[in-house]
Amino acid sequence: MMGAHHAISGSAAWVAVAGTGPLMLGLYPASDSGILIGAVVCAGAALLPDADHHNGTIASSLPPLSTVVTRAVARVSGGHRNGTHGLLAIPLAVLLAVGAGLIGLETEAFGRVALGAGVLSLLLVAYAAKALRITNDGSWVRSWGLALIISTLVTLYAPQEWEWLPLAVGLGVAVHIAGDMLTTGGVPLLWPLRMRPPRWWRRTPVLNDVWLSSGRLSLPVLGDTGSIREWALAVPLTVYTVYGCLGAVAGLLQS
């Protein structure tokens, strides 16, 4: 899946899980502001598995630091679409968010400031802003500026909003893995285990599209990355996300 489509998938997933309006699941109800902020944070989290890609959104977000980080992640995870695209990546991402939430700073003016959660959200909002072109031309300077403003305001004035951060991060990573599994490239769900199919499976049509010779698993209903089918899925997901966010904005205006 393309980076922007991963991001919009993360936003749509958060609206579905955290929203309580029509066409929403309300499994983890969040405030109207939580829906809006969470939609952007989850969009950024949905880009995290591509931290192993030297040409991905994360790699180009804050050069040269981001370039160094993505190269290091790629080495540890075995390259693109390996470790960061397995099921193990989901609990690890949640633990990262939980750990960040434990880092705080007591202040007289604002009480406990969720410093770790604020920094993590800063990164995720910047990634999402760049991928979704929220900042017009996609400049990393504007993306980071917007992320800094949002994260600082929430951290100082509404630190309780970060209580849902681990869920948003885990959900974003899970949605990314699911999205890539729907393409022909597949994902190594059981990484670091790599079980390759037997020879007869690799020679059988349809079956060899599901369990690939590389050991990856795929349900290639979207075809290749960037296909028309992928775009066709991205359109309703975008409409749904906008619908959910507009409902949250309306709720804030009424309160």
Protein backbone atom coordinates (compact mmCIF):
# COMPACT_ATOMS: atom_id res chain seq x y z
CA MET A 1 0.00 0.00 0.00
CA MET A 2 1.08 3.58 -0.62
CA GLY A 3 1.98 5.74 2.38
CA ALA A 4 -1.00 8.08 2.08
CA HIS A 5 -3.37 5.11 1.84
CA HIS A 6 -1.86 3.56 4.95
CA ALA A 7 -2.39 6.85 6.75
CA ILE A 8 -6.02 7.27 5.70
CA SER A 9 -6.67 3.63 6.65
CA GLY A 10 -5.34 4.37 10.13
CA SER A 11 -7.56 7.43 10.45
CA ALA A 12 -10.63 5.52 9.32
CA ALA A 13 -9.89 2.70 11.76
CA TRP A 14 -9.62 5.16 14.65
CA VAL A 15 -12.89 6.86 13.73
CA ALA A 16 -14.59 3.45 13.65
CA VAL A 17 -13.16 2.28 16.97
CA ALA A 18 -13.34 5.53 18.96
CA GLY A 19 -16.47 7.14 17.48
CA THR A 20 -19.96 6.51 18.86
CA GLY A 21 -22.06 8.00 16.07
CA PRO A 22 -23.84 6.25 13.22
CA LEU A 23 -21.66 3.79 11.25
CA MET A 24 -19.12 3.75 14.10
CA LEU A 25 -18.33 0.89 16.49
CA GLY A 26 -17.64 2.84 19.67
CA LEU A 27 -15.44 0.04 21.05
CA TYR A 28 -13.21 2.56 22.84
CA PRO A 29 -15.24 5.78 23.06
CA ALA A 30 -13.16 8.94 22.92
CA SER A 31 -14.08 12.60 23.31
CA ASP A 32 -14.69 14.70 20.24
CA SER A 33 -11.21 16.17 20.55
CA GLY A 34 -9.85 12.65 21.08
CA ILE A 35 -11.42 11.52 17.82
CA LEU A 36 -9.88 14.42 15.91
CA ILE A 37 -6.41 14.15 17.42
CA GLY A 38 -6.50 10.37 17.45
CA ALA A 39 -7.37 10.24 13.76
CA VAL A 40 -4.13 12.06 12.96
CA VAL A 41 -2.05 10.13 15.50
CA CYS A 42 -3.37 6.77 14.27
CA ALA A 43 -2.64 7.87 10.71
CA GLY A 44 0.95 8.48 11.73
CA ALA A 45 1.12 5.15 13.57
CA ALA A 46 -0.09 3.44 10.40
CA LEU A 47 3.17 4.58 8.79
CA LEU A 48 5.44 3.16 11.50
CA PRO A 49 6.01 -0.28 9.91
CA ASP A 50 7.57 1.49 6.93
CA ALA A 51 10.31 2.79 9.20
CA ASP A 52 12.28 0.02 7.51
CA HIS A 53 11.96 1.70 4.09
CA HIS A 54 14.77 4.05 3.06
CA ASN A 55 12.47 5.87 0.60
CA GLY A 56 9.33 5.95 2.75
CA THR A 57 7.53 8.89 4.38
CA ILE A 58 9.36 8.43 7.67
CA ALA A 59 12.77 8.37 5.99
CA SER A 60 12.13 11.76 4.39
CA SER A 61 10.38 13.36 7.36
CA LEU A 62 13.38 14.84 9.18
CA PRO A 63 16.63 14.25 7.29
CA PRO A 64 19.34 13.33 8.00
CA LEU A 65 18.25 11.89 11.38
CA SER A 66 15.25 10.06 9.93
CA THR A 67 17.45 8.50 7.25
CA VAL A 68 19.81 7.09 9.87
CA VAL A 69 16.91 5.73 11.92
CA THR A 70 15.24 3.97 8.98
CA ARG A 71 18.50 2.35 7.95
CA ALA A 72 19.02 1.08 11.50
CA VAL A 73 15.46 -0.29 11.68
CA ALA A 74 15.89 -2.02 8.33
CA ARG A 75 19.04 -3.76 9.55
CA VAL A 76 17.42 -4.98 12.76
CA SER A 77 14.19 -6.09 11.08
CA GLY A 78 15.80 -7.75 8.08
CA GLY A 79 14.89 -5.16 5.46
CA HIS A 80 11.64 -3.79 4.08
CA ARG A 81 8.45 -5.75 4.78
CA ASN A 82 10.06 -8.10 7.24
CA GLY A 83 10.16 -7.66 11.01
CA THR A 84 8.11 -4.47 11.15
CA HIS A 85 5.36 -6.16 9.12
CA GLY A 86 4.88 -9.22 11.33
CA LEU A 87 2.37 -9.74 14.15
CA LEU A 88 5.15 -9.23 16.70
CA ALA A 89 5.38 -5.59 15.64
CA ILE A 90 1.91 -4.82 17.07
CA PRO A 91 2.59 -5.57 20.77
CA LEU A 92 6.03 -4.00 20.46
CA ALA A 93 4.44 -0.79 19.16
CA VAL A 94 1.92 -0.82 22.02
CA LEU A 95 4.71 -1.30 24.55
CA LEU A 96 6.56 1.63 22.99
CA ALA A 97 3.50 3.83 23.48
CA VAL A 98 2.93 2.58 27.04
CA GLY A 99 6.57 3.27 27.88
CA ALA A 100 6.32 6.75 26.41
CA GLY A 101 3.24 7.40 28.52
CA LEU A 102 5.20 6.64 31.70
CA ILE A 103 7.63 9.47 31.02
CA GLY A 104 6.26 12.59 32.64
CA LEU A 105 7.33 15.83 34.26
CA GLU A 106 5.69 17.45 37.29
CA THR A 107 5.20 21.20 36.90
CA GLU A 108 3.56 23.83 39.08
CA ALA A 109 1.67 25.49 36.26
CA PHE A 110 0.32 22.43 34.42
CA GLY A 111 0.64 19.58 36.90
CA ARG A 112 2.00 16.36 35.40
CA VAL A 113 3.04 16.89 31.78
CA ALA A 114 2.95 13.71 29.66
CA LEU A 115 6.29 14.43 28.09
CA GLY A 116 6.93 11.00 26.55
CA ALA A 117 3.47 10.72 25.05
CA GLY A 118 3.78 14.24 23.71
CA VAL A 119 7.07 13.51 21.96
CA LEU A 120 5.74 10.28 20.44
CA SER A 121 2.60 12.02 19.24
CA LEU A 122 4.77 14.79 17.80
CA LEU A 123 6.50 12.25 15.59
CA LEU A 124 3.27 10.53 14.55
CA VAL A 125 1.41 13.74 13.72
CA ALA A 126 4.37 14.92 11.64
CA TYR A 127 4.41 11.65 9.69
CA ALA A 128 0.66 11.84 9.08
CA ALA A 129 0.74 15.49 8.05
CA LYS A 130 3.43 14.78 5.49
CA ALA A 131 1.77 11.64 4.10
CA LEU A 132 -1.70 13.18 3.87
CA ARG A 133 -0.44 16.52 2.50
CA ILE A 134 -2.21 18.33 5.35
CA THR A 135 0.53 20.92 5.19
CA ASN A 136 -0.09 21.89 1.54
CA ASP A 137 3.13 21.04 -0.30
CA GLY A 138 4.10 18.26 2.11
CA SER A 139 7.15 20.15 3.36
CA TRP A 140 8.65 18.48 6.42
CA VAL A 141 9.16 21.90 8.01
CA ARG A 142 5.43 22.67 7.97
CA SER A 143 4.58 19.12 9.00
CA TRP A 144 6.79 19.31 12.06
CA GLY A 145 5.55 22.79 12.88
CA LEU A 146 1.94 21.65 12.87
CA ALA A 147 2.82 18.55 14.90
CA LEU A 148 4.68 20.64 17.49
CA ILE A 149 1.70 22.96 17.97
CA ILE A 150 -0.85 20.15 18.33
CA SER A 151 1.27 17.99 20.63
CA THR A 152 2.28 20.89 22.87
CA LEU A 153 -1.28 22.15 23.33
CA VAL A 154 -2.66 18.71 24.16
CA THR A 155 0.25 17.78 26.43
CA LEU A 156 -0.03 20.98 28.45
CA TYR A 157 -3.78 21.55 28.54
CA ALA A 158 -5.33 18.10 28.09
CA PRO A 159 -2.77 15.46 29.07
CA GLN A 160 -5.54 12.93 29.76
CA GLU A 161 -6.12 12.73 26.01
CA TRP A 162 -3.00 10.59 25.71
CA GLU A 163 -4.63 7.73 27.65
CA TRP A 164 -5.72 6.22 24.35
CA LEU A 165 -2.27 6.56 22.74
CA PRO A 166 -1.23 2.86 23.09
CA LEU A 167 -4.46 1.75 21.41
CA ALA A 168 -4.06 4.26 18.58
CA VAL A 169 -0.46 3.19 17.95
CA GLY A 170 -1.25 -0.53 18.04
CA LEU A 171 -4.29 -0.05 15.82
CA GLY A 172 -2.32 1.96 13.28
CA VAL A 173 0.41 -0.68 13.03
CA ALA A 174 -2.17 -3.47 12.74
CA VAL A 175 -4.01 -1.64 9.96
CA HIS A 176 -0.74 -1.14 8.07
CA ILE A 177 0.09 -4.85 8.22
CA ALA A 178 -3.44 -5.77 7.12
CA GLY A 179 -3.25 -3.32 4.23
CA ASP A 180 0.02 -4.71 2.93
CA MET A 181 -1.32 -8.24 3.32
CA LEU A 182 -4.06 -7.32 0.83
CA THR A 183 -1.44 -6.60 -1.85
CA THR A 184 0.53 -9.05 -3.96
CA GLY A 185 3.70 -8.45 -1.91
CA GLY A 186 2.23 -10.00 1.23
CA VAL A 187 3.68 -9.84 4.74
CA PRO A 188 5.74 -12.18 6.98
CA LEU A 189 3.10 -12.53 9.71
CA LEU A 190 5.10 -15.00 11.79
CA TRP A 191 8.45 -13.18 11.58
CA PRO A 192 11.14 -14.06 12.66
CA LEU A 193 9.89 -17.51 11.63
CA ARG A 194 9.92 -17.92 7.87
CA MET A 195 8.12 -21.00 6.63
CA ARG A 196 8.34 -21.47 2.88
CA PRO A 197 5.67 -23.46 1.02
CA PRO A 198 6.43 -26.90 -0.43
CA ARG A 199 7.23 -27.20 -4.13
CA TRP A 200 3.79 -28.48 -5.11
CA TRP A 201 2.18 -25.43 -3.44
CA ARG A 202 4.44 -23.03 -5.31
CA ARG A 203 3.34 -24.64 -8.59
CA THR A 204 -0.40 -24.44 -7.86
CA PRO A 205 -2.26 -21.39 -9.23
CA VAL A 206 -4.14 -19.25 -6.68
CA LEU A 207 -2.50 -21.07 -3.77
CA ASN A 208 0.90 -19.66 -4.71
CA ASP A 209 -0.62 -16.17 -4.59
CA VAL A 210 -1.61 -16.68 -0.94
CA TRP A 211 1.43 -18.41 0.51
CA LEU A 212 4.31 -16.92 -1.43
CA SER A 213 7.60 -18.63 -2.21
CA SER A 214 9.28 -16.08 0.08
CA GLY A 215 7.20 -17.37 2.99
CA ARG A 216 5.02 -14.27 3.13
CA LEU A 217 1.24 -14.48 3.33
CA SER A 218 -1.06 -12.54 1.05
CA LEU A 219 -4.75 -12.07 0.27
CA PRO A 220 -4.10 -9.99 -2.86
CA VAL A 221 -7.55 -8.52 -3.38
CA LEU A 222 -6.00 -5.07 -3.96
CA GLY A 223 -3.41 -6.30 -6.46
CA ASP A 224 -0.08 -4.49 -6.70
CA THR A 225 0.76 -1.48 -4.53
CA GLY A 226 -0.78 1.67 -6.01
CA SER A 227 -3.32 -0.25 -8.10
CA ILE A 228 -6.71 1.11 -9.14
CA ARG A 229 -8.32 -1.23 -6.62
CA GLU A 230 -6.21 0.28 -3.85
CA TRP A 231 -7.31 3.77 -4.89
CA ALA A 232 -10.92 2.56 -5.04
CA LEU A 233 -10.64 1.49 -1.40
CA ALA A 234 -8.94 4.71 -0.34
CA VAL A 235 -11.80 6.90 -1.59
CA PRO A 236 -14.57 5.55 0.69
CA LEU A 237 -12.12 5.36 3.60
CA THR A 238 -11.37 9.06 3.09
CA VAL A 239 -15.07 9.92 2.94
CA TYR A 240 -15.70 7.92 6.11
CA THR A 241 -12.84 9.63 7.94
CA VAL A 242 -14.03 13.09 6.92
CA TYR A 243 -17.56 12.15 8.02
CA GLY A 244 -16.34 11.07 11.44
CA CYS A 245 -14.12 14.11 11.93
CA LEU A 246 -16.83 16.53 10.86
CA GLY A 247 -19.13 14.91 13.42
CA ALA A 248 -16.47 15.44 16.08
CA VAL A 249 -16.07 19.10 15.05
CA ALA A 250 -19.84 19.57 15.29
CA GLY A 251 -19.78 18.07 18.76
CA LEU A 252 -17.05 20.46 19.88
CA LEU A 253 -18.96 23.45 18.52
CA GLN A 254 -22.08 22.42 20.43
CA SER A 255 -20.26 21.97 23.72
